[in-house]
Amino acid sequence: MVMMEARWSARRVARQLGLTDCVVRRCWDQWIRKMSFTQRPDSGRSRQTSRREDHYIERNAHVQPNASSTAIQAQVAPSLRAPVSSRIIRRRLAEGHLGSRRPLRVLPLKPPHGRLRLEYCHVGGN
């Protein structure tokens, strides 16, 4: 890394160390990612919820998969130490690769499609 910081090329570093260019570039990229300002553990705003609270939010989403983020917020609010917005709930669910899966109540139709659908229903369709 010292050689790369001294502006040596990846090819030159690779020759010096007896490695391939690709390996040197991957190591350099990984080092840059780990040492970048955004990846440092204490950078940015502190989290409003703890890991345990995040787990509780995710668990509620698993138990009631059709609940909205507002419903989950109302359910977990009494047990959390600080008030949490529904936006934070949505963010925590996204971090856990979840989402509040609300069933679609009405098929969103544009006016011409709605008119055709209504005619179809009157004729004896669905």
C-alpha atoms as a PDB file:
ATOM      1  CA  MET A   1       0.000   0.000   0.000  1.00  0.00           C
ATOM      2  CA  VAL A   2       2.925   2.296   0.679  1.00  0.00           C
ATOM      3  CA  MET A   3       4.108   1.857  -2.906  1.00  0.00           C
ATOM      4  CA  MET A   4       0.652   2.655  -4.271  1.00  0.00           C
ATOM      5  CA  GLU A   5       0.445   5.726  -2.037  1.00  0.00           C
ATOM      6  CA  ALA A   6       3.824   6.768  -3.431  1.00  0.00           C
ATOM      7  CA  ARG A   7       2.052   6.803  -6.838  1.00  0.00           C
ATOM      8  CA  TRP A   8       3.644   3.635  -8.196  1.00  0.00           C
ATOM      9  CA  SER A   9       1.556   1.951 -10.878  1.00  0.00           C
ATOM     10  CA  ALA A  10      -0.186  -1.329 -10.084  1.00  0.00           C
ATOM     11  CA  ARG A  11       1.950  -3.032 -12.730  1.00  0.00           C
ATOM     12  CA  ARG A  12       5.178  -1.780 -11.137  1.00  0.00           C
ATOM     13  CA  VAL A  13       4.062  -2.856  -7.648  1.00  0.00           C
ATOM     14  CA  ALA A  14       3.032  -6.263  -9.005  1.00  0.00           C
ATOM     15  CA  ARG A  15       6.440  -6.802 -10.627  1.00  0.00           C
ATOM     16  CA  GLN A  16       8.208  -5.730  -7.438  1.00  0.00           C
ATOM     17  CA  LEU A  17       6.185  -8.139  -5.273  1.00  0.00           C
ATOM     18  CA  GLY A  18       5.912 -10.971  -7.786  1.00  0.00           C
ATOM     19  CA  LEU A  19       2.129 -10.760  -8.050  1.00  0.00           C
ATOM     20  CA  THR A  20      -0.293 -10.167 -10.894  1.00  0.00           C
ATOM     21  CA  ASP A  21      -1.654  -6.699 -11.674  1.00  0.00           C
ATOM     22  CA  CYS A  22      -5.175  -7.878 -10.916  1.00  0.00           C
ATOM     23  CA  VAL A  23      -4.285  -8.966  -7.371  1.00  0.00           C
ATOM     24  CA  VAL A  24      -2.614  -5.648  -6.617  1.00  0.00           C
ATOM     25  CA  ARG A  25      -5.588  -3.674  -7.968  1.00  0.00           C
ATOM     26  CA  ARG A  26      -8.083  -5.744  -5.964  1.00  0.00           C
ATOM     27  CA  CYS A  27      -6.066  -5.295  -2.767  1.00  0.00           C
ATOM     28  CA  TRP A  28      -5.784  -1.567  -3.423  1.00  0.00           C
ATOM     29  CA  ASP A  29      -9.525  -1.227  -4.093  1.00  0.00           C
ATOM     30  CA  GLN A  30     -10.359  -3.158  -0.942  1.00  0.00           C
ATOM     31  CA  TRP A  31      -7.980  -1.039   1.113  1.00  0.00           C
ATOM     32  CA  ILE A  32      -9.503   2.159  -0.296  1.00  0.00           C
ATOM     33  CA  ARG A  33     -13.030   0.912   0.542  1.00  0.00           C
ATOM     34  CA  LYS A  34     -12.082   0.025   4.106  1.00  0.00           C
ATOM     35  CA  MET A  35     -10.187   3.233   4.755  1.00  0.00           C
ATOM     36  CA  SER A  36     -12.603   5.630   3.102  1.00  0.00           C
ATOM     37  CA  PHE A  37     -14.256   8.244   5.279  1.00  0.00           C
ATOM     38  CA  THR A  38     -17.767   6.930   4.742  1.00  0.00           C
ATOM     39  CA  GLN A  39     -16.903   3.435   5.934  1.00  0.00           C
ATOM     40  CA  ARG A  40     -15.349   4.451   9.238  1.00  0.00           C
ATOM     41  CA  PRO A  41     -17.425   3.167  12.141  1.00  0.00           C
ATOM     42  CA  ASP A  42     -17.956   6.513  13.892  1.00  0.00           C
ATOM     43  CA  SER A  43     -18.683   8.638  10.829  1.00  0.00           C
ATOM     44  CA  GLY A  44     -22.142  10.042  10.270  1.00  0.00           C
ATOM     45  CA  ARG A  45     -25.087  10.471  12.558  1.00  0.00           C
ATOM     46  CA  SER A  46     -25.535   8.024  15.425  1.00  0.00           C
ATOM     47  CA  ARG A  47     -28.357   5.524  15.122  1.00  0.00           C
ATOM     48  CA  GLN A  48     -31.598   6.201  16.927  1.00  0.00           C
ATOM     49  CA  THR A  49     -32.312   2.513  17.509  1.00  0.00           C
ATOM     50  CA  SER A  50     -30.101  -0.199  18.934  1.00  0.00           C
ATOM     51  CA  ARG A  51     -29.438  -3.578  17.320  1.00  0.00           C
ATOM     52  CA  ARG A  52     -31.906  -5.203  19.676  1.00  0.00           C
ATOM     53  CA  GLU A  53     -34.615  -2.708  18.725  1.00  0.00           C
ATOM     54  CA  ASP A  54     -33.833  -3.214  15.026  1.00  0.00           C
ATOM     55  CA  HIS A  55     -34.249  -6.958  15.529  1.00  0.00           C
ATOM     56  CA  TYR A  56     -37.582  -6.350  17.265  1.00  0.00           C
ATOM     57  CA  ILE A  57     -38.793  -4.236  14.331  1.00  0.00           C
ATOM     58  CA  GLU A  58     -37.723  -6.924  11.831  1.00  0.00           C
ATOM     59  CA  ARG A  59     -39.377  -9.646  13.911  1.00  0.00           C
ATOM     60  CA  ASN A  60     -42.660  -7.744  13.908  1.00  0.00           C
ATOM     61  CA  ALA A  61     -42.466  -7.463  10.131  1.00  0.00           C
ATOM     62  CA  HIS A  62     -41.948 -11.241   9.894  1.00  0.00           C
ATOM     63  CA  VAL A  63     -44.888 -11.970  12.192  1.00  0.00           C
ATOM     64  CA  GLN A  64     -47.244  -9.627  10.327  1.00  0.00           C
ATOM     65  CA  PRO A  65     -45.984  -9.424   6.742  1.00  0.00           C
ATOM     66  CA  ASN A  66     -49.003  -7.408   5.550  1.00  0.00           C
ATOM     67  CA  ALA A  67     -48.729  -4.683   8.191  1.00  0.00           C
ATOM     68  CA  SER A  68     -47.807  -1.184   7.031  1.00  0.00           C
ATOM     69  CA  SER A  69     -44.789   0.630   8.414  1.00  0.00           C
ATOM     70  CA  THR A  70     -47.156   2.900  10.383  1.00  0.00           C
ATOM     71  CA  ALA A  71     -48.850  -0.145  11.935  1.00  0.00           C
ATOM     72  CA  ILE A  72     -45.463  -1.631  12.843  1.00  0.00           C
ATOM     73  CA  GLN A  73     -44.462   1.736  14.312  1.00  0.00           C
ATOM     74  CA  ALA A  74     -47.579   1.831  16.504  1.00  0.00           C
ATOM     75  CA  GLN A  75     -46.939  -1.721  17.639  1.00  0.00           C
ATOM     76  CA  VAL A  76     -43.265  -1.335  18.577  1.00  0.00           C
ATOM     77  CA  ALA A  77     -43.421   2.269  19.891  1.00  0.00           C
ATOM     78  CA  PRO A  78     -44.240   1.358  23.531  1.00  0.00           C
ATOM     79  CA  SER A  79     -41.219  -0.933  23.811  1.00  0.00           C
ATOM     80  CA  LEU A  80     -38.652   1.417  22.225  1.00  0.00           C
ATOM     81  CA  ARG A  81     -36.689   3.866  24.365  1.00  0.00           C
ATOM     82  CA  ALA A  82     -37.167   6.793  21.956  1.00  0.00           C
ATOM     83  CA  PRO A  83     -39.953   7.747  19.551  1.00  0.00           C
ATOM     84  CA  VAL A  84     -39.270   6.322  16.105  1.00  0.00           C
ATOM     85  CA  SER A  85     -40.805   7.566  12.862  1.00  0.00           C
ATOM     86  CA  SER A  86     -42.349   5.315  10.242  1.00  0.00           C
ATOM     87  CA  ARG A  87     -39.518   6.374   7.918  1.00  0.00           C
ATOM     88  CA  ILE A  88     -36.989   4.842  10.326  1.00  0.00           C
ATOM     89  CA  ILE A  89     -39.126   1.698  10.431  1.00  0.00           C
ATOM     90  CA  ARG A  90     -39.044   1.509   6.612  1.00  0.00           C
ATOM     91  CA  ARG A  91     -35.285   2.096   6.632  1.00  0.00           C
ATOM     92  CA  ARG A  92     -34.672  -0.687   9.169  1.00  0.00           C
ATOM     93  CA  LEU A  93     -36.846  -3.066   7.153  1.00  0.00           C
ATOM     94  CA  ALA A  94     -34.901  -2.188   4.004  1.00  0.00           C
ATOM     95  CA  GLU A  95     -31.613  -2.859   5.821  1.00  0.00           C
ATOM     96  CA  GLY A  96     -32.975  -6.273   6.781  1.00  0.00           C
ATOM     97  CA  HIS A  97     -34.040  -6.868   3.146  1.00  0.00           C
ATOM     98  CA  LEU A  98     -37.673  -6.743   4.205  1.00  0.00           C
ATOM     99  CA  GLY A  99     -40.551  -4.459   3.447  1.00  0.00           C
ATOM    100  CA  SER A 100     -44.046  -3.963   4.688  1.00  0.00           C
ATOM    101  CA  ARG A 101     -45.905  -5.904   2.029  1.00  0.00           C
ATOM    102  CA  ARG A 102     -49.331  -4.345   1.758  1.00  0.00           C
ATOM    103  CA  PRO A 103     -51.772  -6.101  -0.560  1.00  0.00           C
ATOM    104  CA  LEU A 104     -53.026  -3.912  -3.368  1.00  0.00           C
ATOM    105  CA  ARG A 105     -56.631  -2.975  -2.615  1.00  0.00           C
ATOM    106  CA  VAL A 106     -57.685  -1.681  -6.015  1.00  0.00           C
ATOM    107  CA  LEU A 107     -56.164  -2.260  -9.399  1.00  0.00           C
ATOM    108  CA  PRO A 108     -54.873   1.139 -10.545  1.00  0.00           C
ATOM    109  CA  LEU A 109     -56.607   1.745 -13.877  1.00  0.00           C
ATOM    110  CA  LYS A 110     -56.502   4.809 -16.066  1.00  0.00           C
ATOM    111  CA  PRO A 111     -59.936   6.211 -17.029  1.00  0.00           C
ATOM    112  CA  PRO A 112     -60.112   4.525 -20.475  1.00  0.00           C
ATOM    113  CA  HIS A 113     -59.145   1.161 -18.996  1.00  0.00           C
ATOM    114  CA  GLY A 114     -61.632   1.606 -16.169  1.00  0.00           C
ATOM    115  CA  ARG A 115     -64.402   2.308 -18.652  1.00  0.00           C
ATOM    116  CA  LEU A 116     -63.511  -0.803 -20.711  1.00  0.00           C
ATOM    117  CA  ARG A 117     -63.354  -2.917 -17.546  1.00  0.00           C
ATOM    118  CA  LEU A 118     -66.783  -1.679 -16.478  1.00  0.00           C
ATOM    119  CA  GLU A 119     -68.255  -2.476 -19.911  1.00  0.00           C
ATOM    120  CA  TYR A 120     -66.709  -5.958 -19.755  1.00  0.00           C
ATOM    121  CA  CYS A 121     -68.284  -6.581 -16.340  1.00  0.00           C
ATOM    122  CA  HIS A 122     -71.727  -5.416 -17.532  1.00  0.00           C
ATOM    123  CA  VAL A 123     -71.597  -7.711 -20.568  1.00  0.00           C
ATOM    124  CA  GLY A 124     -71.248 -10.728 -18.310  1.00  0.00           C
ATOM    125  CA  GLY A 125     -67.554 -11.071 -17.779  1.00  0.00           C
ATOM    126  CA  ASN A 126     -65.866 -11.070 -14.434  1.00  0.00           C
END
